[in-house]
N, C-alpha and C. Protein backbone atom coordinates (compact mmCIF):
# COMPACT_ATOMS: atom_id res chain seq x y z
N MET A 1 -11.54 5.80 2.36
CA MET A 1 -12.20 5.70 1.39
C MET A 1 -13.71 6.31 1.77
N ASP A 2 -14.27 6.19 2.77
CA ASP A 2 -15.85 6.94 3.11
C ASP A 2 -15.65 8.39 3.03
N GLU A 3 -13.99 8.66 2.78
CA GLU A 3 -14.19 10.47 2.78
C GLU A 3 -14.13 10.52 1.32
N ASP A 4 -13.77 10.25 0.30
CA ASP A 4 -13.37 10.79 -1.09
C ASP A 4 -14.07 9.59 -2.28
N ASP A 5 -15.09 10.05 -2.73
CA ASP A 5 -15.76 8.79 -3.57
C ASP A 5 -14.98 8.89 -5.05
N GLN A 6 -13.69 9.64 -5.14
CA GLN A 6 -12.89 9.72 -5.98
C GLN A 6 -12.20 8.80 -6.48
N LEU A 7 -12.17 7.90 -5.17
CA LEU A 7 -11.05 6.79 -4.86
C LEU A 7 -11.69 5.61 -5.12
N TRP A 8 -11.06 4.52 -5.58
CA TRP A 8 -11.21 3.30 -5.53
C TRP A 8 -9.58 2.23 -5.19
N LEU A 9 -10.15 1.70 -4.05
CA LEU A 9 -9.20 0.84 -3.53
C LEU A 9 -8.99 -0.49 -4.21
N SER A 10 -8.06 -0.65 -4.52
CA SER A 10 -7.75 -1.95 -5.15
C SER A 10 -7.69 -3.20 -4.00
N THR A 11 -8.15 -4.31 -4.16
CA THR A 11 -7.74 -5.43 -2.86
C THR A 11 -6.60 -6.21 -3.53
N SER A 12 -5.72 -6.20 -2.30
CA SER A 12 -4.41 -7.14 -2.93
C SER A 12 -4.49 -8.18 -2.53
N TRP A 13 -3.79 -9.16 -2.96
CA TRP A 13 -4.04 -10.57 -3.01
C TRP A 13 -2.62 -10.98 -1.97
N THR A 14 -2.69 -12.00 -1.33
CA THR A 14 -1.33 -12.61 -0.35
C THR A 14 -1.68 -14.06 -0.18
N THR A 15 -0.57 -14.83 0.31
CA THR A 15 -0.51 -15.92 0.50
C THR A 15 -0.38 -16.34 2.08
N ARG A 16 -0.36 -15.20 2.76
CA ARG A 16 -0.21 -15.29 3.83
C ARG A 16 -1.68 -15.43 4.81
N PRO A 17 -1.46 -16.21 6.10
CA PRO A 17 -2.66 -16.57 6.41
C PRO A 17 -3.25 -15.12 7.11
N GLN A 18 -4.92 -15.58 7.13
CA GLN A 18 -5.52 -14.19 7.45
C GLN A 18 -5.66 -14.57 8.96
N ARG A 19 -5.59 -13.36 9.64
CA ARG A 19 -5.24 -12.97 11.22
C ARG A 19 -6.86 -12.95 11.59
N ASP A 20 -6.92 -13.62 13.13
CA ASP A 20 -8.08 -13.69 13.36
C ASP A 20 -8.44 -11.98 13.57
N THR A 21 -7.88 -11.43 13.76
CA THR A 21 -8.38 -10.01 13.62
C THR A 21 -8.92 -9.34 12.43
N GLU A 22 -9.01 -10.29 11.53
CA GLU A 22 -9.48 -9.96 9.89
C GLU A 22 -10.77 -10.60 9.56
N ASP A 23 -11.67 -9.96 8.77
CA ASP A 23 -12.65 -10.55 8.44
C ASP A 23 -12.78 -10.82 6.49
N GLY A 24 -11.45 -11.09 6.59
CA GLY A 24 -11.31 -11.19 4.82
C GLY A 24 -11.76 -10.41 3.92
N SER A 25 -12.29 -9.50 4.29
CA SER A 25 -12.34 -8.41 3.27
C SER A 25 -10.86 -7.48 2.82
N GLU A 26 -9.53 -7.70 3.88
CA GLU A 26 -8.72 -6.95 3.80
C GLU A 26 -7.46 -7.43 2.39
N TYR A 27 -8.04 -9.03 2.27
CA TYR A 27 -6.85 -9.40 1.23
C TYR A 27 -7.59 -10.29 0.58
N HIS A 28 -7.19 -10.54 -0.66
CA HIS A 28 -7.97 -11.91 -1.45
C HIS A 28 -7.13 -12.73 -0.94
N PHE A 29 -7.44 -13.71 0.01
CA PHE A 29 -6.70 -14.77 0.59
C PHE A 29 -6.25 -16.12 -0.43
N VAL A 30 -5.24 -16.38 -0.78
CA VAL A 30 -4.91 -17.87 -1.76
C VAL A 30 -3.85 -18.66 -1.28
N SER A 31 -3.69 -19.55 -1.83
CA SER A 31 -2.40 -20.31 -1.69
C SER A 31 -1.28 -19.98 -2.45
N ARG A 32 -0.30 -20.34 -2.23
CA ARG A 32 0.79 -19.81 -2.84
C ARG A 32 0.78 -20.52 -4.54
N ALA A 33 0.33 -21.77 -4.49
CA ALA A 33 0.37 -21.75 -5.94
C ALA A 33 -0.75 -21.02 -7.04
N GLU A 34 -1.80 -20.87 -6.20
CA GLU A 34 -2.71 -20.16 -7.08
C GLU A 34 -2.15 -18.42 -7.08
N PHE A 35 -1.39 -18.00 -6.38
CA PHE A 35 -0.36 -17.00 -6.53
C PHE A 35 0.40 -17.09 -7.67
N GLU A 36 1.24 -17.81 -7.66
CA GLU A 36 2.10 -18.10 -8.80
C GLU A 36 1.71 -18.38 -10.06
N ALA A 37 0.67 -18.92 -10.25
CA ALA A 37 -0.36 -19.20 -11.39
C ALA A 37 -0.27 -17.91 -11.84
N ALA A 38 -0.80 -16.77 -11.15
CA ALA A 38 -1.17 -15.09 -11.55
C ALA A 38 -0.15 -14.76 -11.55
N ILE A 39 1.09 -15.02 -11.40
CA ILE A 39 2.28 -14.25 -11.85
C ILE A 39 2.86 -14.75 -13.13
N ARG A 40 2.54 -15.93 -13.49
CA ARG A 40 2.94 -16.54 -14.74
C ARG A 40 1.95 -16.02 -15.54
N ASP A 41 0.63 -15.76 -15.28
CA ASP A 41 -0.23 -15.04 -16.28
C ASP A 41 -0.06 -13.56 -16.21
N HIS A 42 0.69 -13.01 -15.81
CA HIS A 42 1.04 -11.28 -15.60
C HIS A 42 -0.31 -10.51 -15.34
N ALA A 43 -0.68 -11.20 -13.96
CA ALA A 43 -2.20 -10.75 -13.78
C ALA A 43 -1.54 -9.47 -12.52
N PHE A 44 -0.56 -8.99 -12.12
CA PHE A 44 -0.44 -8.61 -10.99
C PHE A 44 0.25 -6.86 -11.87
N LEU A 45 -0.07 -5.64 -11.34
CA LEU A 45 0.66 -4.68 -11.29
C LEU A 45 1.94 -4.52 -10.67
N GLU A 46 2.05 -5.22 -9.54
CA GLU A 46 3.06 -5.37 -8.82
C GLU A 46 2.84 -6.50 -7.63
N TRP A 47 4.17 -7.13 -7.60
CA TRP A 47 4.27 -8.30 -6.62
C TRP A 47 5.45 -8.29 -5.97
N ALA A 48 5.05 -9.02 -4.62
CA ALA A 48 6.77 -9.13 -4.05
C ALA A 48 6.74 -9.76 -2.82
N GLU A 49 7.37 -10.65 -2.73
CA GLU A 49 7.59 -11.39 -1.46
C GLU A 49 8.23 -10.91 -0.26
N PHE A 50 7.43 -10.69 0.82
CA PHE A 50 7.85 -9.81 2.19
C PHE A 50 7.70 -10.71 3.20
N HIS A 51 8.81 -10.98 4.07
CA HIS A 51 8.46 -11.85 4.99
C HIS A 51 8.37 -13.19 4.90
N GLY A 52 8.28 -13.53 3.51
CA GLY A 52 7.86 -15.24 3.23
C GLY A 52 6.56 -15.38 2.89
N HIS A 53 5.94 -14.18 2.59
CA HIS A 53 4.71 -14.71 2.20
C HIS A 53 4.52 -13.32 0.75
N LEU A 54 3.76 -14.08 -0.18
CA LEU A 54 3.76 -13.23 -1.69
C LEU A 54 2.60 -11.98 -1.21
N TYR A 55 2.82 -11.06 -1.98
CA TYR A 55 1.80 -10.03 -1.86
C TYR A 55 1.81 -9.42 -3.12
N GLY A 56 0.68 -9.30 -3.73
CA GLY A 56 0.57 -8.49 -5.40
C GLY A 56 -0.55 -7.78 -5.35
N THR A 57 -0.56 -6.37 -6.42
CA THR A 57 -1.76 -5.94 -6.79
C THR A 57 -2.04 -6.51 -8.00
N PRO A 58 -3.49 -6.78 -8.28
CA PRO A 58 -4.13 -6.96 -9.68
C PRO A 58 -4.16 -5.97 -10.33
N LYS A 59 -3.61 -6.20 -12.04
CA LYS A 59 -3.94 -4.78 -12.63
C LYS A 59 -5.12 -4.49 -12.52
N PRO A 60 -4.73 -2.90 -12.23
CA PRO A 60 -6.30 -2.43 -11.86
C PRO A 60 -7.58 -2.34 -13.26
N THR A 61 -8.58 -2.83 -12.41
CA THR A 61 -9.87 -2.49 -13.12
C THR A 61 -11.00 -2.24 -12.67
N GLY A 62 -10.53 -0.76 -11.87
CA GLY A 62 -11.55 -0.13 -11.24
C GLY A 62 -12.40 0.97 -11.86
N PRO A 63 -13.63 1.57 -11.74
CA PRO A 63 -14.19 1.75 -12.24
C PRO A 63 -13.90 3.53 -12.73
N GLY A 64 -13.84 3.40 -14.18
CA GLY A 64 -13.37 4.90 -15.17
C GLY A 64 -12.72 5.51 -14.59
N GLU A 65 -12.78 6.80 -14.25
CA GLU A 65 -12.19 8.08 -13.90
C GLU A 65 -11.51 7.89 -12.36
N LEU A 66 -11.82 7.36 -11.57
CA LEU A 66 -11.50 7.28 -10.20
C LEU A 66 -9.85 7.03 -10.13
N ASP A 67 -9.43 7.47 -8.85
CA ASP A 67 -8.07 7.42 -8.84
C ASP A 67 -8.04 6.17 -7.88
N VAL A 68 -7.02 5.27 -8.43
CA VAL A 68 -6.73 3.88 -8.12
C VAL A 68 -5.78 4.12 -6.73
N LEU A 69 -6.33 3.54 -5.38
CA LEU A 69 -5.30 3.30 -4.51
C LEU A 69 -4.95 2.03 -4.30
N LEU A 70 -3.53 2.02 -3.95
CA LEU A 70 -3.27 0.43 -3.64
C LEU A 70 -2.57 1.02 -2.24
N GLU A 71 -2.46 -0.08 -1.38
CA GLU A 71 -2.21 -0.27 -0.26
C GLU A 71 -0.77 -1.42 -0.23
N ILE A 72 0.42 -0.64 -0.88
CA ILE A 72 1.32 -1.57 -1.05
C ILE A 72 2.99 -1.39 -0.34
N GLU A 73 4.16 -1.99 -0.40
CA GLU A 73 5.32 -1.81 0.56
C GLU A 73 6.33 -1.35 -0.54
N VAL A 74 7.53 -0.97 0.03
CA VAL A 74 8.39 -0.16 -1.09
C VAL A 74 8.48 -0.88 -2.25
N GLN A 75 9.09 -2.37 -2.01
CA GLN A 75 8.97 -2.99 -3.08
C GLN A 75 8.08 -3.31 -4.53
N GLY A 76 6.82 -2.83 -3.70
CA GLY A 76 5.73 -2.53 -4.84
C GLY A 76 5.39 -1.26 -5.58
N ALA A 77 6.28 -0.52 -4.38
CA ALA A 77 6.16 0.99 -4.83
C ALA A 77 7.15 1.31 -6.10
N GLU A 78 8.14 0.38 -6.02
CA GLU A 78 9.43 0.74 -6.77
C GLU A 78 8.63 -0.02 -8.32
N GLN A 79 8.15 -0.91 -8.03
CA GLN A 79 7.47 -1.48 -9.51
C GLN A 79 6.21 -0.71 -10.40
N VAL A 80 5.47 -0.09 -9.28
CA VAL A 80 4.30 0.99 -9.92
C VAL A 80 5.02 1.85 -10.37
N LEU A 81 6.20 2.76 -9.70
CA LEU A 81 7.04 3.80 -10.32
C LEU A 81 7.53 3.39 -11.55
N ALA A 82 8.22 2.13 -11.89
CA ALA A 82 8.46 1.66 -12.82
C ALA A 82 7.90 1.66 -14.45
N HIS A 83 6.54 1.56 -13.88
CA HIS A 83 5.33 1.06 -15.04
C HIS A 83 5.03 2.67 -15.29
N ASP A 84 4.58 3.30 -14.11
CA ASP A 84 4.41 4.82 -14.52
C ASP A 84 5.07 5.74 -13.12
N PRO A 85 6.14 6.78 -13.80
CA PRO A 85 7.08 7.35 -12.80
C PRO A 85 6.29 8.92 -12.58
N HIS A 86 5.06 8.81 -12.97
CA HIS A 86 4.31 10.08 -12.36
C HIS A 86 3.30 9.73 -11.56
N ALA A 87 3.55 8.16 -10.74
CA ALA A 87 2.65 7.98 -9.51
C ALA A 87 2.71 8.54 -8.43
N LEU A 88 1.69 8.92 -7.85
CA LEU A 88 2.26 9.22 -6.44
C LEU A 88 2.30 8.33 -5.46
N VAL A 89 3.24 8.56 -5.03
CA VAL A 89 3.54 7.71 -3.57
C VAL A 89 3.30 8.33 -2.08
N PHE A 90 2.76 7.80 -1.29
CA PHE A 90 2.50 8.33 0.31
C PHE A 90 3.36 7.26 0.98
N LEU A 91 3.98 7.83 1.66
CA LEU A 91 4.79 6.94 2.92
C LEU A 91 3.89 7.03 4.14
N ILE A 92 3.20 6.19 4.59
CA ILE A 92 2.50 6.48 5.87
C ILE A 92 2.98 6.00 7.24
N LEU A 93 3.71 7.06 7.74
CA LEU A 93 4.25 6.46 9.20
C LEU A 93 3.97 6.46 10.34
N PRO A 94 4.24 5.52 11.18
CA PRO A 94 3.47 5.49 12.66
C PRO A 94 4.60 6.62 13.18
N PRO A 95 4.29 7.25 14.46
CA PRO A 95 4.78 8.48 14.64
C PRO A 95 5.98 7.78 15.61
N SER A 96 5.96 6.70 16.09
CA SER A 96 7.30 6.18 16.45
C SER A 96 7.50 4.73 16.07
N LEU A 97 8.84 3.77 16.29
CA LEU A 97 8.80 2.71 15.98
C LEU A 97 8.35 2.14 17.33
N ALA A 98 8.10 2.48 18.25
CA ALA A 98 7.61 1.89 19.64
C ALA A 98 5.77 1.91 19.26
N GLN A 99 5.12 3.25 18.62
CA GLN A 99 3.90 2.83 18.21
C GLN A 99 3.87 2.03 16.99
N LEU A 100 4.80 1.36 16.30
CA LEU A 100 4.70 0.56 15.32
C LEU A 100 4.54 -0.90 15.89
N GLU A 101 5.30 -0.79 17.06
CA GLU A 101 5.34 -2.36 17.53
C GLU A 101 3.79 -2.38 18.23
N ASP A 102 3.60 -1.74 19.13
CA ASP A 102 2.42 -1.44 19.38
C ASP A 102 0.79 -1.92 18.49
N ARG A 103 1.07 -1.47 17.31
CA ARG A 103 0.10 -1.82 16.23
C ARG A 103 0.39 -2.94 15.84
N LEU A 104 1.50 -3.38 15.53
CA LEU A 104 1.49 -4.57 15.07
C LEU A 104 1.32 -5.60 16.08
N ARG A 105 1.32 -5.67 17.24
CA ARG A 105 0.86 -6.67 18.48
C ARG A 105 -0.64 -6.51 18.27
N GLY A 106 -0.97 -4.97 18.46
CA GLY A 106 -2.45 -4.94 18.39
C GLY A 106 -3.44 -5.51 17.43
N ARG A 107 -2.82 -6.04 16.12
CA ARG A 107 -3.75 -6.22 14.97
C ARG A 107 -3.19 -7.85 15.42
N GLY A 108 -2.84 -8.33 16.05
CA GLY A 108 -2.54 -9.97 16.27
C GLY A 108 -1.56 -10.64 15.60
N ASP A 109 -0.48 -9.74 15.47
CA ASP A 109 0.83 -10.54 14.75
C ASP A 109 1.76 -11.60 15.77
N ILE A 110 2.32 -12.14 15.50
CA ILE A 110 2.71 -13.41 16.48
C ILE A 110 4.14 -12.82 16.41
N GLU A 111 4.72 -12.93 17.52
CA GLU A 111 6.11 -12.67 18.37
C GLU A 111 7.07 -12.37 17.19
N GLU A 112 7.05 -13.71 16.50
CA GLU A 112 8.52 -13.60 15.31
C GLU A 112 8.11 -12.52 14.09
N HIS A 113 6.92 -12.41 13.67
CA HIS A 113 6.77 -11.42 12.94
C HIS A 113 6.94 -9.99 13.17
N VAL A 114 6.41 -10.17 14.36
CA VAL A 114 6.62 -8.36 15.19
C VAL A 114 8.14 -8.25 15.02
N ARG A 115 8.90 -9.01 15.65
CA ARG A 115 10.38 -8.99 15.80
C ARG A 115 10.96 -8.83 14.25
N THR A 116 10.45 -9.25 13.31
CA THR A 116 11.09 -9.19 12.04
C THR A 116 10.62 -8.03 11.19
N ARG A 117 9.72 -7.97 11.39
CA ARG A 117 9.13 -6.17 10.76
C ARG A 117 9.74 -5.05 11.49
N LEU A 118 9.99 -5.39 12.76
CA LEU A 118 10.81 -4.03 13.26
C LEU A 118 12.48 -3.95 12.97
N SER A 119 13.00 -5.49 13.05
CA SER A 119 14.23 -5.28 12.20
C SER A 119 14.40 -5.09 10.76
N SER A 120 13.56 -5.19 10.00
CA SER A 120 13.57 -4.70 8.58
C SER A 120 12.86 -2.98 8.48
N ALA A 121 12.20 -2.29 9.58
CA ALA A 121 12.05 -1.38 9.12
C ALA A 121 12.74 -0.15 9.09
N PRO A 122 14.02 0.08 9.67
CA PRO A 122 15.09 1.20 9.24
C PRO A 122 15.23 1.05 7.64
N ASP A 123 15.54 -0.27 7.19
CA ASP A 123 15.58 -0.47 5.45
C ASP A 123 14.61 0.47 4.72
N GLU A 124 13.25 -0.28 4.98
CA GLU A 124 12.48 0.37 4.55
C GLU A 124 11.88 1.67 4.67
N LEU A 125 12.07 1.87 5.96
CA LEU A 125 11.89 3.32 6.01
C LEU A 125 12.79 4.34 5.27
N ALA A 126 13.93 3.82 4.91
CA ALA A 126 14.88 4.90 4.20
C ALA A 126 14.49 4.53 2.74
N LYS A 127 14.24 3.27 2.45
CA LYS A 127 13.55 3.26 0.71
C LYS A 127 12.27 3.90 0.70
N GLY A 128 11.63 3.94 1.44
CA GLY A 128 10.16 4.70 1.25
C GLY A 128 10.60 6.28 1.26
N HIS A 129 11.31 6.55 1.94
CA HIS A 129 11.58 8.15 1.95
C HIS A 129 12.36 8.59 0.70
N ALA A 130 12.91 7.64 0.32
CA ALA A 130 13.49 7.60 -1.30
C ALA A 130 12.28 8.00 -2.38
N LEU A 131 11.48 7.10 -1.99
CA LEU A 131 10.51 6.94 -3.17
C LEU A 131 9.26 7.90 -3.12
N ALA A 132 9.34 8.41 -1.62
CA ALA A 132 7.73 8.97 -1.53
C ALA A 132 7.75 10.34 -2.29
N THR A 133 6.98 10.80 -2.91
CA THR A 133 6.07 12.06 -3.29
C THR A 133 5.84 12.61 -2.14
N HIS A 134 4.91 12.09 -0.93
CA HIS A 134 4.52 12.86 0.09
C HIS A 134 4.58 11.62 1.31
N VAL A 135 5.05 12.31 2.51
CA VAL A 135 5.24 11.58 3.68
C VAL A 135 4.08 12.16 4.96
N VAL A 136 3.42 10.98 5.24
CA VAL A 136 2.49 11.35 6.23
C VAL A 136 2.67 10.92 7.28
N VAL A 137 2.65 11.22 8.55
CA VAL A 137 2.54 10.79 9.89
C VAL A 137 1.29 10.39 10.38
N ASN A 138 1.28 9.03 10.55
CA ASN A 138 -0.17 8.80 10.84
C ASN A 138 -0.44 8.80 12.52
N ASP A 139 -0.05 9.92 13.33
CA ASP A 139 -0.46 9.94 14.29
C ASP A 139 -1.75 9.96 15.29
N ASP A 140 -2.59 11.02 14.17
CA ASP A 140 -4.10 10.97 14.31
C ASP A 140 -4.73 10.44 13.09
N LEU A 141 -5.97 9.52 13.18
CA LEU A 141 -6.09 9.12 11.78
C LEU A 141 -6.90 9.91 11.00
N GLU A 142 -7.72 10.70 12.15
CA GLU A 142 -8.36 11.84 11.23
C GLU A 142 -7.61 13.01 10.58
N ARG A 143 -6.80 13.26 11.52
CA ARG A 143 -5.80 14.69 10.83
C ARG A 143 -4.90 13.39 9.51
N ALA A 144 -4.54 12.45 9.79
CA ALA A 144 -3.76 11.91 8.75
C ALA A 144 -4.25 11.84 7.49
N THR A 145 -5.55 11.40 7.52
CA THR A 145 -6.58 11.52 6.36
C THR A 145 -7.24 12.52 5.66
N ALA A 146 -7.29 13.43 6.61
CA ALA A 146 -7.25 14.78 6.04
C ALA A 146 -6.14 15.48 5.26
N GLU A 147 -5.48 15.64 5.73
CA GLU A 147 -3.88 15.58 5.27
C GLU A 147 -3.58 14.99 3.87
N ILE A 148 -3.95 13.50 3.69
CA ILE A 148 -3.87 12.99 2.42
C ILE A 148 -4.78 13.31 1.19
N LEU A 149 -6.38 13.91 1.94
CA LEU A 149 -7.29 14.31 1.04
C LEU A 149 -7.05 15.85 0.39
N SER A 150 -6.51 16.36 1.31
CA SER A 150 -5.74 17.78 1.07
C SER A 150 -5.13 17.47 -0.03
N ILE A 151 -3.96 16.56 -0.03
CA ILE A 151 -3.00 16.52 -1.32
C ILE A 151 -3.83 16.07 -2.51
N LEU A 152 -4.34 14.89 -2.33
CA LEU A 152 -5.04 14.74 -3.78
C LEU A 152 -6.09 16.03 -4.23
N GLU A 153 -6.43 16.31 -3.54
CA GLU A 153 -7.49 17.55 -4.11
C GLU A 153 -6.53 18.70 -4.50
N GLU A 154 -5.64 19.19 -4.10
CA GLU A 154 -4.80 20.05 -4.45
C GLU A 154 -4.35 19.69 -6.00
N LEU A 155 -4.03 17.93 -6.01
CA LEU A 155 -3.09 17.45 -7.25
C LEU A 155 -3.84 17.45 -8.02
N ARG A 156 -5.59 16.91 -8.36
CA ARG A 156 -6.18 16.46 -8.98
C ARG A 156 -6.77 17.24 -10.16
N PRO A 157 -6.61 18.57 -10.38
CA PRO A 157 -6.70 19.20 -11.35
C PRO A 157 -5.34 19.13 -12.32
N GLN A 158 -4.24 19.17 -11.57
CA GLN A 158 -3.18 19.23 -12.34
C GLN A 158 -2.95 17.88 -13.11
N ARG A 159 -3.12 16.49 -12.48
CA ARG A 159 -3.22 15.29 -13.24
C ARG A 159 -4.10 15.23 -14.11
N ARG A 160 -5.43 15.62 -14.06
CA ARG A 160 -6.62 15.33 -14.99
C ARG A 160 -6.47 16.13 -16.42
N SER A 161 -5.47 17.38 -16.40
CA SER A 161 -5.43 18.37 -17.36
C SER A 161 -4.30 17.71 -18.20
N PRO A 162 -4.96 17.56 -19.74
CA PRO A 162 -3.84 17.50 -20.42
C PRO A 162 -2.82 18.35 -20.82
N SER A 163 -2.90 19.12 -20.90
CA SER A 163 -1.96 20.67 -20.70
C SER A 163 -1.01 20.62 -19.71
N LYS A 164 -1.43 20.51 -18.54
CA LYS A 164 -0.19 20.45 -17.36
C LYS A 164 0.74 19.14 -17.36
N LYS A 165 0.45 18.11 -18.08
CA LYS A 165 0.96 16.58 -18.36
C LYS A 165 2.58 17.16 -18.81
N ASP A 166 2.53 17.90 -19.51
CA ASP A 166 4.17 18.40 -20.41
C ASP A 166 4.68 18.80 -19.52
């Protein structure tokens, strides 16, 4: 986000507990009852239950002409594409499943969650590849960021020009 002033990050909601490694800005942490009330009020662009917790993206209310960035999983991407078939979907991959495991452990996930995520990873990756407009391997944060920003810069003129949408 610091590298591109044309992006606005939507903060997702979740019912999962906040990790010790989080400062509270990563999600809007809510109770299941509050989340379910928002579902009934049609407050989400997308939402899904993932490994026993609810996650959702509120309908974007970002500033004007900025590109809205959503950090979502494959169920959410399917819903977003159903609303907007022209949405860009980036699949951000770890360099390996071993790296994924290290990253999950490094952020303080409990053992049961690590095992559950690793067991669901092959199916999620297959779905992600099917949905993705672009696939980026996050083997180096600066390189992966530069790749994503380069793709966005290349596509922005096409996406913002009404004559190119047809």
